[in-house]
Structure formats: structure tokens, C-alpha cells
Amino acid sequence: MTVERDGPILIEGPVEIVGEDGTVTVSDRFVVAVCTCRRSRILPWCDTSHRRHGAAPHSRADRAGRDRNEPEETAP
């Protein structure tokens, strides 16, 4: 499994994903991209919507830090 910030989770297949409602989605591909931004039109798979809409929402921990008025990290 490969996890990258602001992108999908890449998982070596075959893969079986169980959704929140219990729905099972199966892929027999060599590698699948699982959406983490929840913007995909083909959930649970990534359709690269995160690229069109900018960065994915940050984690709850990141948001909590900003809620306390802590500065965000910026690129040099």
C-alpha cells in the first residue's frame, strides 16, 4: 500500500473494499487507487477529482491545530 498526502491510496490488487453501508466493491487490477478526498464520482475508486479541485481536506488533527490559531506550514 502506498499513501501520499493529497492523493489516493494505491493498493496492490486484487482488492475487496467494504463501504460504510456494507457494500462490497471488488477489483482484480494489479494496482488500484482508492479515493481519500471523497470527491470521486466512482467511489471507492479515485477518478483524479483531487487534482481538479485542489488539495484534499486535511486530517482532523491538522484542522484542530488551525482551530487553535496555530500557523499552517508553508512552502519556502
C-alpha atoms as a PDB file:
ATOM      1  CA  MET A   1       0.000   0.000   0.000  1.00  0.00           C
ATOM      2  CA  THR A   2       1.262   3.481  -0.831  1.00  0.00           C
ATOM      3  CA  VAL A   3      -0.166   6.574   0.880  1.00  0.00           C
ATOM      4  CA  GLU A   4       0.574  10.082  -0.377  1.00  0.00           C
ATOM      5  CA  ARG A   5      -0.703  13.336   1.066  1.00  0.00           C
ATOM      6  CA  ASP A   6      -3.457  14.904  -1.085  1.00  0.00           C
ATOM      7  CA  GLY A   7      -3.775  11.822  -3.268  1.00  0.00           C
ATOM      8  CA  PRO A   8      -5.319   8.362  -3.364  1.00  0.00           C
ATOM      9  CA  ILE A   9      -4.145   5.268  -1.540  1.00  0.00           C
ATOM     10  CA  LEU A  10      -2.524   2.874  -4.018  1.00  0.00           C
ATOM     11  CA  ILE A  11      -3.116  -0.788  -3.163  1.00  0.00           C
ATOM     12  CA  GLU A  12      -1.730  -3.817  -4.952  1.00  0.00           C
ATOM     13  CA  GLY A  13      -4.615  -5.949  -6.175  1.00  0.00           C
ATOM     14  CA  PRO A  14      -6.763  -7.850  -6.306  1.00  0.00           C
ATOM     15  CA  VAL A  15      -8.724  -5.763  -3.809  1.00  0.00           C
ATOM     16  CA  GLU A  16     -12.046  -6.029  -1.994  1.00  0.00           C
ATOM     17  CA  ILE A  17     -13.367  -2.790  -0.424  1.00  0.00           C
ATOM     18  CA  VAL A  18     -16.254  -2.803   2.070  1.00  0.00           C
ATOM     19  CA  GLY A  19     -18.070   0.547   2.189  1.00  0.00           C
ATOM     20  CA  GLU A  20     -19.706   2.234   5.183  1.00  0.00           C
ATOM     21  CA  ASP A  21     -23.075   0.780   4.160  1.00  0.00           C
ATOM     22  CA  GLY A  22     -21.650  -2.737   3.804  1.00  0.00           C
ATOM     23  CA  THR A  23     -21.475  -2.636   0.009  1.00  0.00           C
ATOM     24  CA  VAL A  24     -18.581  -4.736  -1.297  1.00  0.00           C
ATOM     25  CA  THR A  25     -16.652  -3.493  -4.348  1.00  0.00           C
ATOM     26  CA  VAL A  26     -14.078  -5.772  -5.982  1.00  0.00           C
ATOM     27  CA  SER A  27     -11.234  -5.062  -8.413  1.00  0.00           C
ATOM     28  CA  ASP A  28      -8.862  -7.613  -9.904  1.00  0.00           C
ATOM     29  CA  ARG A  29      -6.449  -4.994 -11.298  1.00  0.00           C
ATOM     30  CA  PHE A  30      -2.741  -5.111 -10.436  1.00  0.00           C
ATOM     31  CA  VAL A  31      -2.922  -1.762  -8.598  1.00  0.00           C
ATOM     32  CA  VAL A  32      -5.990   0.258  -7.622  1.00  0.00           C
ATOM     33  CA  ALA A  33      -6.269   3.868  -6.455  1.00  0.00           C
ATOM     34  CA  VAL A  34      -8.701   4.275  -3.560  1.00  0.00           C
ATOM     35  CA  CYS A  35     -10.147   7.774  -3.174  1.00  0.00           C
ATOM     36  CA  THR A  36      -9.358   9.647   0.056  1.00  0.00           C
ATOM     37  CA  CYS A  37     -10.748  13.096  -0.852  1.00  0.00           C
ATOM     38  CA  ARG A  38     -14.330  11.763  -1.225  1.00  0.00           C
ATOM     39  CA  ARG A  39     -14.834  13.850  -4.394  1.00  0.00           C
ATOM     40  CA  SER A  40     -14.645  10.939  -6.827  1.00  0.00           C
ATOM     41  CA  ARG A  41     -17.692  10.141  -8.932  1.00  0.00           C
ATOM     42  CA  ILE A  42     -16.713   6.463  -8.930  1.00  0.00           C
ATOM     43  CA  LEU A  43     -16.186   5.853  -5.197  1.00  0.00           C
ATOM     44  CA  PRO A  44     -14.409   3.994  -3.730  1.00  0.00           C
ATOM     45  CA  TRP A  45     -12.021   4.361  -6.686  1.00  0.00           C
ATOM     46  CA  CYS A  46     -10.088   7.552  -7.429  1.00  0.00           C
ATOM     47  CA  ASP A  47     -11.039   9.471 -10.594  1.00  0.00           C
ATOM     48  CA  THR A  48      -8.397  12.219 -10.028  1.00  0.00           C
ATOM     49  CA  SER A  49     -11.004  14.733  -8.816  1.00  0.00           C
ATOM     50  CA  HIS A  50      -8.497  15.824  -6.158  1.00  0.00           C
ATOM     51  CA  ARG A  51      -6.388  17.310  -8.969  1.00  0.00           C
ATOM     52  CA  ARG A  52      -9.233  19.423 -10.383  1.00  0.00           C
ATOM     53  CA  HIS A  53     -10.427  20.692  -7.012  1.00  0.00           C
ATOM     54  CA  GLY A  54      -7.094  21.419  -5.356  1.00  0.00           C
ATOM     55  CA  ALA A  55      -5.717  19.672  -2.315  1.00  0.00           C
ATOM     56  CA  ALA A  56      -7.847  17.227  -0.367  1.00  0.00           C
ATOM     57  CA  PRO A  57      -9.156  18.336   3.021  1.00  0.00           C
ATOM     58  CA  HIS A  58      -6.545  17.913   5.725  1.00  0.00           C
ATOM     59  CA  SER A  59      -6.855  15.434   8.540  1.00  0.00           C
ATOM     60  CA  ARG A  60      -8.834  16.166  11.678  1.00  0.00           C
ATOM     61  CA  ALA A  61      -5.552  16.697  13.566  1.00  0.00           C
ATOM     62  CA  ASP A  62      -4.449  19.304  11.030  1.00  0.00           C
ATOM     63  CA  ARG A  63      -7.771  21.144  11.314  1.00  0.00           C
ATOM     64  CA  ALA A  64      -7.585  21.038  15.118  1.00  0.00           C
ATOM     65  CA  GLY A  65      -4.212  22.800  15.008  1.00  0.00           C
ATOM     66  CA  ARG A  66      -5.623  25.566  12.812  1.00  0.00           C
ATOM     67  CA  ASP A  67      -8.640  25.916  15.095  1.00  0.00           C
ATOM     68  CA  ARG A  68      -6.245  26.849  17.899  1.00  0.00           C
ATOM     69  CA  ASN A  69      -4.811  29.615  15.699  1.00  0.00           C
ATOM     70  CA  GLU A  70      -1.545  27.773  15.125  1.00  0.00           C
ATOM     71  CA  PRO A  71       0.110  28.775  11.843  1.00  0.00           C
ATOM     72  CA  GLU A  72      -0.062  26.422   8.883  1.00  0.00           C
ATOM     73  CA  GLU A  73       3.119  25.082   7.327  1.00  0.00           C
ATOM     74  CA  THR A  74       4.071  26.924   4.172  1.00  0.00           C
ATOM     75  CA  ALA A  75       6.497  26.021   1.426  1.00  0.00           C
ATOM     76  CA  PRO A  76       9.708  28.080   1.307  1.00  0.00           C
END
